[in-house]
Amino acid sequence: MPAPCAEYNGVIIQRRVPMKATITVVSILVFLSGLVWFLQGINILPGSFMTGDPQWAVNGAIAMGVSAVVFYFVRRRK
């Protein structure tokens, strides 16, 4: 779907839709959160109830994987 356009003095101006940037930022934040969960789950990053719990390592790996796939599909050129 093309970006919405506006006309100003006979010149067509395309407006950028910020959805791509928003999804990119959210996917990076989810990836970093997943990394923290993973590191706490495998007992490298101490300091919370998640430390040493393998379920958080699995949750973190899933979050990192999903966010990496979303990031890839959002940032690829069409």
PDB file of N, CA and C in Angstrom:
ATOM      1  N   MET A   1       0.848  -1.172   0.000  1.00  0.00           N
ATOM      2  CA  MET A   1       0.000   0.000   0.000  1.00  0.00           C
ATOM      3  C   MET A   1       0.895   1.235   0.000  1.00  0.00           C
ATOM      4  N   PRO A   2       0.700   2.126  -0.955  1.00  0.00           N
ATOM      5  CA  PRO A   2       1.546   3.320  -1.015  1.00  0.00           C
ATOM      6  C   PRO A   2       1.233   4.282   0.128  1.00  0.00           C
ATOM      7  N   ALA A   3       2.239   5.086   0.428  1.00  0.00           N
ATOM      8  CA  ALA A   3       2.071   6.078   1.493  1.00  0.00           C
ATOM      9  C   ALA A   3       1.072   7.139   1.046  1.00  0.00           C
ATOM     10  N   PRO A   4       0.318   7.709   1.986  1.00  0.00           N
ATOM     11  CA  PRO A   4      -0.630   8.757   1.622  1.00  0.00           C
ATOM     12  C   PRO A   4       0.105   9.981   1.082  1.00  0.00           C
ATOM     13  N   CYS A   5      -0.541  10.666   0.138  1.00  0.00           N
ATOM     14  CA  CYS A   5       0.083  11.819  -0.505  1.00  0.00           C
ATOM     15  C   CYS A   5      -0.737  13.078  -0.221  1.00  0.00           C
ATOM     16  N   ALA A   6      -0.064  14.196  -0.301  1.00  0.00           N
ATOM     17  CA  ALA A   6      -0.708  15.491  -0.189  1.00  0.00           C
ATOM     18  C   ALA A   6      -0.201  16.362  -1.330  1.00  0.00           C
ATOM     19  N   GLU A   7      -0.986  17.359  -1.701  1.00  0.00           N
ATOM     20  CA  GLU A   7      -0.563  18.234  -2.780  1.00  0.00           C
ATOM     21  C   GLU A   7      -0.387  19.640  -2.224  1.00  0.00           C
ATOM     22  N   TYR A   8       0.770  20.240  -2.533  1.00  0.00           N
ATOM     23  CA  TYR A   8       1.080  21.569  -2.050  1.00  0.00           C
ATOM     24  C   TYR A   8       1.595  22.379  -3.227  1.00  0.00           C
ATOM     25  N   ASN A   9       0.851  23.377  -3.647  1.00  0.00           N
ATOM     26  CA  ASN A   9       1.194  24.225  -4.788  1.00  0.00           C
ATOM     27  C   ASN A   9       1.495  23.402  -6.037  1.00  0.00           C
ATOM     28  N   GLY A  10       0.686  22.379  -6.274  1.00  0.00           N
ATOM     29  CA  GLY A  10       0.856  21.567  -7.470  1.00  0.00           C
ATOM     30  C   GLY A  10       1.921  20.494  -7.366  1.00  0.00           C
ATOM     31  N   VAL A  11       2.624  20.411  -6.240  1.00  0.00           N
ATOM     32  CA  VAL A  11       3.666  19.404  -6.049  1.00  0.00           C
ATOM     33  C   VAL A  11       3.120  18.333  -5.111  1.00  0.00           C
ATOM     34  N   ILE A  12       3.212  17.094  -5.542  1.00  0.00           N
ATOM     35  CA  ILE A  12       2.731  15.996  -4.708  1.00  0.00           C
ATOM     36  C   ILE A  12       3.809  15.650  -3.680  1.00  0.00           C
ATOM     37  N   ILE A  13       3.415  15.653  -2.421  1.00  0.00           N
ATOM     38  CA  ILE A  13       4.334  15.373  -1.320  1.00  0.00           C
ATOM     39  C   ILE A  13       3.882  14.083  -0.647  1.00  0.00           C
ATOM     40  N   GLN A  14       4.798  13.135  -0.513  1.00  0.00           N
ATOM     41  CA  GLN A  14       4.468  11.895   0.193  1.00  0.00           C
ATOM     42  C   GLN A  14       4.746  12.075   1.679  1.00  0.00           C
ATOM     43  N   ARG A  15       3.799  11.666   2.475  1.00  0.00           N
ATOM     44  CA  ARG A  15       3.975  11.712   3.924  1.00  0.00           C
ATOM     45  C   ARG A  15       4.495  10.363   4.393  1.00  0.00           C
ATOM     46  N   ARG A  16       5.473  10.393   5.286  1.00  0.00           N
ATOM     47  CA  ARG A  16       5.999   9.148   5.829  1.00  0.00           C
ATOM     48  C   ARG A  16       5.077   8.632   6.916  1.00  0.00           C
ATOM     49  N   VAL A  17       4.787   7.380   6.832  1.00  0.00           N
ATOM     50  CA  VAL A  17       3.977   6.740   7.858  1.00  0.00           C
ATOM     51  C   VAL A  17       4.936   6.197   8.915  1.00  0.00           C
ATOM     52  N   PRO A  18       4.824   6.614  10.175  1.00  0.00           N
ATOM     53  CA  PRO A  18       5.802   6.241  11.193  1.00  0.00           C
ATOM     54  C   PRO A  18       5.655   4.806  11.707  1.00  0.00           C
ATOM     55  N   MET A  19       4.786   4.003  11.108  1.00  0.00           N
ATOM     56  CA  MET A  19       4.569   2.647  11.608  1.00  0.00           C
ATOM     57  C   MET A  19       5.836   1.802  11.520  1.00  0.00           C
ATOM     58  N   LYS A  20       6.594   1.948  10.442  1.00  0.00           N
ATOM     59  CA  LYS A  20       7.811   1.159  10.263  1.00  0.00           C
ATOM     60  C   LYS A  20       8.816   1.474  11.371  1.00  0.00           C
ATOM     61  N   ALA A  21       8.985   2.732  11.675  1.00  0.00           N
ATOM     62  CA  ALA A  21       9.921   3.128  12.726  1.00  0.00           C
ATOM     63  C   ALA A  21       9.429   2.670  14.099  1.00  0.00           C
ATOM     64  N   THR A  22       8.147   2.760  14.336  1.00  0.00           N
ATOM     65  CA  THR A  22       7.586   2.343  15.619  1.00  0.00           C
ATOM     66  C   THR A  22       7.780   0.845  15.839  1.00  0.00           C
ATOM     67  N   ILE A  23       7.480   0.045  14.826  1.00  0.00           N
ATOM     68  CA  ILE A  23       7.644  -1.402  14.959  1.00  0.00           C
ATOM     69  C   ILE A  23       9.120  -1.755  15.121  1.00  0.00           C
ATOM     70  N   THR A  24      10.003  -1.033  14.445  1.00  0.00           N
ATOM     71  CA  THR A  24      11.435  -1.283  14.589  1.00  0.00           C
ATOM     72  C   THR A  24      11.885  -1.029  16.025  1.00  0.00           C
ATOM     73  N   VAL A  25      11.480   0.087  16.603  1.00  0.00           N
ATOM     74  CA  VAL A  25      11.864   0.417  17.983  1.00  0.00           C
ATOM     75  C   VAL A  25      11.288  -0.601  18.961  1.00  0.00           C
ATOM     76  N   VAL A  26      10.037  -0.977  18.776  1.00  0.00           N
ATOM     77  CA  VAL A  26       9.412  -1.953  19.675  1.00  0.00           C
ATOM     78  C   VAL A  26      10.117  -3.304  19.570  1.00  0.00           C
ATOM     79  N   SER A  27      10.472  -3.721  18.355  1.00  0.00           N
ATOM     80  CA  SER A  27      11.152  -5.011  18.204  1.00  0.00           C
ATOM     81  C   SER A  27      12.540  -4.984  18.851  1.00  0.00           C
ATOM     82  N   ILE A  28      13.236  -3.868  18.784  1.00  0.00           N
ATOM     83  CA  ILE A  28      14.542  -3.755  19.449  1.00  0.00           C
ATOM     84  C   ILE A  28      14.370  -3.821  20.966  1.00  0.00           C
ATOM     85  N   LEU A  29      13.359  -3.140  21.495  1.00  0.00           N
ATOM     86  CA  LEU A  29      13.122  -3.173  22.944  1.00  0.00           C
ATOM     87  C   LEU A  29      12.736  -4.571  23.426  1.00  0.00           C
ATOM     88  N   VAL A  30      11.921  -5.273  22.645  1.00  0.00           N
ATOM     89  CA  VAL A  30      11.550  -6.641  23.010  1.00  0.00           C
ATOM     90  C   VAL A  30      12.773  -7.547  22.948  1.00  0.00           C
ATOM     91  N   PHE A  31      13.629  -7.341  21.947  1.00  0.00           N
ATOM     92  CA  PHE A  31      14.850  -8.145  21.851  1.00  0.00           C
ATOM     93  C   PHE A  31      15.736  -7.932  23.085  1.00  0.00           C
ATOM     94  N   LEU A  32      15.919  -6.681  23.483  1.00  0.00           N
ATOM     95  CA  LEU A  32      16.750  -6.396  24.652  1.00  0.00           C
ATOM     96  C   LEU A  32      16.137  -6.955  25.940  1.00  0.00           C
ATOM     97  N   SER A  33      14.827  -6.888  26.065  1.00  0.00           N
ATOM     98  CA  SER A  33      14.163  -7.484  27.222  1.00  0.00           C
ATOM     99  C   SER A  33      14.354  -8.998  27.227  1.00  0.00           C
ATOM    100  N   GLY A  34      14.212  -9.609  26.060  1.00  0.00           N
ATOM    101  CA  GLY A  34      14.432 -11.047  25.949  1.00  0.00           C
ATOM    102  C   GLY A  34      15.860 -11.427  26.285  1.00  0.00           C
ATOM    103  N   LEU A  35      16.802 -10.578  25.911  1.00  0.00           N
ATOM    104  CA  LEU A  35      18.201 -10.836  26.248  1.00  0.00           C
ATOM    105  C   LEU A  35      18.416 -10.816  27.762  1.00  0.00           C
ATOM    106  N   VAL A  36      17.800  -9.848  28.435  1.00  0.00           N
ATOM    107  CA  VAL A  36      17.902  -9.787  29.897  1.00  0.00           C
ATOM    108  C   VAL A  36      17.273 -11.031  30.520  1.00  0.00           C
ATOM    109  N   TRP A  37      16.099 -11.435  30.042  1.00  0.00           N
ATOM    110  CA  TRP A  37      15.451 -12.636  30.558  1.00  0.00           C
ATOM    111  C   TRP A  37      16.322 -13.862  30.347  1.00  0.00           C
ATOM    112  N   PHE A  38      16.902 -13.969  29.156  1.00  0.00           N
ATOM    113  CA  PHE A  38      17.748 -15.116  28.844  1.00  0.00           C
ATOM    114  C   PHE A  38      18.966 -15.161  29.767  1.00  0.00           C
ATOM    115  N   LEU A  39      19.636 -14.023  29.921  1.00  0.00           N
ATOM    116  CA  LEU A  39      20.828 -13.980  30.761  1.00  0.00           C
ATOM    117  C   LEU A  39      20.497 -14.255  32.230  1.00  0.00           C
ATOM    118  N   GLN A  40      19.351 -13.796  32.690  1.00  0.00           N
ATOM    119  CA  GLN A  40      18.950 -14.103  34.059  1.00  0.00           C
ATOM    120  C   GLN A  40      18.572 -15.577  34.186  1.00  0.00           C
ATOM    121  N   GLY A  41      17.954 -16.122  33.168  1.00  0.00           N
ATOM    122  CA  GLY A  41      17.547 -17.516  33.217  1.00  0.00           C
ATOM    123  C   GLY A  41      18.723 -18.476  33.250  1.00  0.00           C
ATOM    124  N   ILE A  42      19.835 -18.102  32.590  1.00  0.00           N
ATOM    125  CA  ILE A  42      21.009 -18.986  32.608  1.00  0.00           C
ATOM    126  C   ILE A  42      22.003 -18.572  33.692  1.00  0.00           C
ATOM    127  N   ASN A  43      21.562 -17.727  34.605  1.00  0.00           N
ATOM    128  CA  ASN A  43      22.305 -17.368  35.818  1.00  0.00           C
ATOM    129  C   ASN A  43      23.570 -16.551  35.544  1.00  0.00           C
ATOM    130  N   ILE A  44      23.556 -15.729  34.512  1.00  0.00           N
ATOM    131  CA  ILE A  44      24.685 -14.825  34.252  1.00  0.00           C
ATOM    132  C   ILE A  44      24.409 -13.442  34.824  1.00  0.00           C
ATOM    133  N   LEU A  45      23.166 -13.014  34.757  1.00  0.00           N
ATOM    134  CA  LEU A  45      22.771 -11.691  35.234  1.00  0.00           C
ATOM    135  C   LEU A  45      21.950 -11.865  36.516  1.00  0.00           C
ATOM    136  N   PRO A  46      22.567 -11.699  37.684  1.00  0.00           N
ATOM    137  CA  PRO A  46      21.841 -11.956  38.936  1.00  0.00           C
ATOM    138  C   PRO A  46      20.976 -10.767  39.359  1.00  0.00           C
ATOM    139  N   GLY A  47      20.131 -11.023  40.348  1.00  0.00           N
ATOM    140  CA  GLY A  47      19.442  -9.914  40.974  1.00  0.00           C
ATOM    141  C   GLY A  47      17.939  -9.919  40.913  1.00  0.00           C
ATOM    142  N   SER A  48      17.299 -11.005  40.520  1.00  0.00           N
ATOM    143  CA  SER A  48      15.841 -11.017  40.535  1.00  0.00           C
ATOM    144  C   SER A  48      15.344 -12.439  40.739  1.00  0.00           C
ATOM    145  N   PHE A  49      14.025 -12.586  40.790  1.00  0.00           N
ATOM    146  CA  PHE A  49      13.430 -13.902  40.964  1.00  0.00           C
ATOM    147  C   PHE A  49      13.633 -14.789  39.733  1.00  0.00           C
ATOM    148  N   MET A  50      14.010 -14.192  38.595  1.00  0.00           N
ATOM    149  CA  MET A  50      14.225 -14.954  37.369  1.00  0.00           C
ATOM    150  C   MET A  50      15.600 -15.619  37.324  1.00  0.00           C
ATOM    151  N   THR A  51      16.499 -15.216  38.183  1.00  0.00           N
ATOM    152  CA  THR A  51      17.871 -15.701  38.147  1.00  0.00           C
ATOM    153  C   THR A  51      17.913 -17.205  38.404  1.00  0.00           C
ATOM    154  N   GLY A  52      18.504 -17.925  37.469  1.00  0.00           N
ATOM    155  CA  GLY A  52      18.678 -19.360  37.604  1.00  0.00           C
ATOM    156  C   GLY A  52      17.470 -20.192  37.230  1.00  0.00           C
ATOM    157  N   ASP A  53      16.397 -19.573  36.757  1.00  0.00           N
ATOM    158  CA  ASP A  53      15.197 -20.306  36.373  1.00  0.00           C
ATOM    159  C   ASP A  53      15.228 -20.558  34.865  1.00  0.00           C
ATOM    160  N   PRO A  54      15.342 -21.815  34.449  1.00  0.00           N
ATOM    161  CA  PRO A  54      15.462 -22.107  33.017  1.00  0.00           C
ATOM    162  C   PRO A  54      14.245 -21.686  32.194  1.00  0.00           C
ATOM    163  N   GLN A  55      13.075 -21.571  32.815  1.00  0.00           N
ATOM    164  CA  GLN A  55      11.894 -21.139  32.064  1.00  0.00           C
ATOM    165  C   GLN A  55      12.078 -19.720  31.521  1.00  0.00           C
ATOM    166  N   TRP A  56      12.779 -18.871  32.266  1.00  0.00           N
ATOM    167  CA  TRP A  56      13.027 -17.511  31.790  1.00  0.00           C
ATOM    168  C   TRP A  56      14.046 -17.486  30.663  1.00  0.00           C
ATOM    169  N   ALA A  57      14.957 -18.452  30.649  1.00  0.00           N
ATOM    170  CA  ALA A  57      15.885 -18.561  29.519  1.00  0.00           C
ATOM    171  C   ALA A  57      15.118 -18.920  28.258  1.00  0.00           C
ATOM    172  N   VAL A  58      14.163 -19.820  28.370  1.00  0.00           N
ATOM    173  CA  VAL A  58      13.341 -20.211  27.222  1.00  0.00           C
ATOM    174  C   VAL A  58      12.474 -19.035  26.775  1.00  0.00           C
ATOM    175  N   ASN A  59      11.830 -18.365  27.733  1.00  0.00           N
ATOM    176  CA  ASN A  59      10.996 -17.204  27.391  1.00  0.00           C
ATOM    177  C   ASN A  59      11.822 -16.119  26.698  1.00  0.00           C
ATOM    178  N   GLY A  60      13.031 -15.879  27.199  1.00  0.00           N
ATOM    179  CA  GLY A  60      13.897 -14.866  26.603  1.00  0.00           C
ATOM    180  C   GLY A  60      14.332 -15.249  25.202  1.00  0.00           C
ATOM    181  N   ALA A  61      14.649 -16.519  24.987  1.00  0.00           N
ATOM    182  CA  ALA A  61      15.047 -16.965  23.650  1.00  0.00           C
ATOM    183  C   ALA A  61      13.897 -16.825  22.663  1.00  0.00           C
ATOM    184  N   ILE A  62      12.688 -17.149  23.102  1.00  0.00           N
ATOM    185  CA  ILE A  62      11.512 -16.997  22.231  1.00  0.00           C
ATOM    186  C   ILE A  62      11.288 -15.525  21.901  1.00  0.00           C
ATOM    187  N   ALA A  63      11.375 -14.661  22.902  1.00  0.00           N
ATOM    188  CA  ALA A  63      11.174 -13.222  22.675  1.00  0.00           C
ATOM    189  C   ALA A  63      12.226 -12.671  21.715  1.00  0.00           C
ATOM    190  N   MET A  64      13.483 -13.098  21.883  1.00  0.00           N
ATOM    191  CA  MET A  64      14.538 -12.621  20.982  1.00  0.00           C
ATOM    192  C   MET A  64      14.307 -13.122  19.561  1.00  0.00           C
ATOM    193  N   GLY A  65      13.903 -14.370  19.423  1.00  0.00           N
ATOM    194  CA  GLY A  65      13.658 -14.926  18.089  1.00  0.00           C
ATOM    195  C   GLY A  65      12.513 -14.246  17.369  1.00  0.00           C
ATOM    196  N   VAL A  66      11.407 -14.076  18.067  1.00  0.00           N
ATOM    197  CA  VAL A  66      10.241 -13.429  17.449  1.00  0.00           C
ATOM    198  C   VAL A  66      10.559 -11.984  17.081  1.00  0.00           C
ATOM    199  N   SER A  67      11.223 -11.265  17.975  1.00  0.00           N
ATOM    200  CA  SER A  67      11.528  -9.862  17.669  1.00  0.00           C
ATOM    201  C   SER A  67      12.547  -9.742  16.538  1.00  0.00           C
ATOM    202  N   ALA A  68      13.470 -10.687  16.422  1.00  0.00           N
ATOM    203  CA  ALA A  68      14.422 -10.652  15.306  1.00  0.00           C
ATOM    204  C   ALA A  68      13.711 -10.888  13.975  1.00  0.00           C
ATOM    205  N   VAL A  69      12.741 -11.796  13.959  1.00  0.00           N
ATOM    206  CA  VAL A  69      11.974 -12.052  12.732  1.00  0.00           C
ATOM    207  C   VAL A  69      11.150 -10.827  12.363  1.00  0.00           C
ATOM    208  N   VAL A  70      10.499 -10.219  13.349  1.00  0.00           N
ATOM    209  CA  VAL A  70       9.704  -9.007  13.084  1.00  0.00           C
ATOM    210  C   VAL A  70      10.609  -7.893  12.568  1.00  0.00           C
ATOM    211  N   PHE A  71      11.758  -7.707  13.201  1.00  0.00           N
ATOM    212  CA  PHE A  71      12.707  -6.678  12.767  1.00  0.00           C
ATOM    213  C   PHE A  71      13.144  -6.916  11.324  1.00  0.00           C
ATOM    214  N   TYR A  72      13.445  -8.169  10.979  1.00  0.00           N
ATOM    215  CA  TYR A  72      13.879  -8.492   9.616  1.00  0.00           C
ATOM    216  C   TYR A  72      12.800  -8.160   8.585  1.00  0.00           C
ATOM    217  N   PHE A  73      11.568  -8.570   8.866  1.00  0.00           N
ATOM    218  CA  PHE A  73      10.502  -8.328   7.896  1.00  0.00           C
ATOM    219  C   PHE A  73      10.118  -6.859   7.789  1.00  0.00           C
ATOM    220  N   VAL A  74      10.269  -6.103   8.872  1.00  0.00           N
ATOM    221  CA  VAL A  74       9.949  -4.670   8.815  1.00  0.00           C
ATOM    222  C   VAL A  74      11.034  -3.905   8.063  1.00  0.00           C
ATOM    223  N   ARG A  75      12.294  -4.261   8.260  1.00  0.00           N
ATOM    224  CA  ARG A  75      13.400  -3.499   7.684  1.00  0.00           C
ATOM    225  C   ARG A  75      13.793  -3.913   6.264  1.00  0.00           C
ATOM    226  N   ARG A  76      13.259  -5.022   5.756  1.00  0.00           N
ATOM    227  CA  ARG A  76      13.652  -5.430   4.397  1.00  0.00           C
ATOM    228  C   ARG A  76      13.028  -4.488   3.380  1.00  0.00           C
ATOM    229  N   ARG A  77      13.708  -4.359   2.273  1.00  0.00           N
ATOM    230  CA  ARG A  77      13.207  -3.482   1.200  1.00  0.00           C
ATOM    231  C   ARG A  77      12.186  -4.216   0.374  1.00  0.00           C
ATOM    232  N   LYS A  78      11.211  -3.479  -0.087  1.00  0.00           N
ATOM    233  CA  LYS A  78      10.142  -4.099  -0.891  1.00  0.00           C
ATOM    234  C   LYS A  78      10.333  -3.795  -2.346  1.00  0.00           C
TER     235      LYS A  78
END
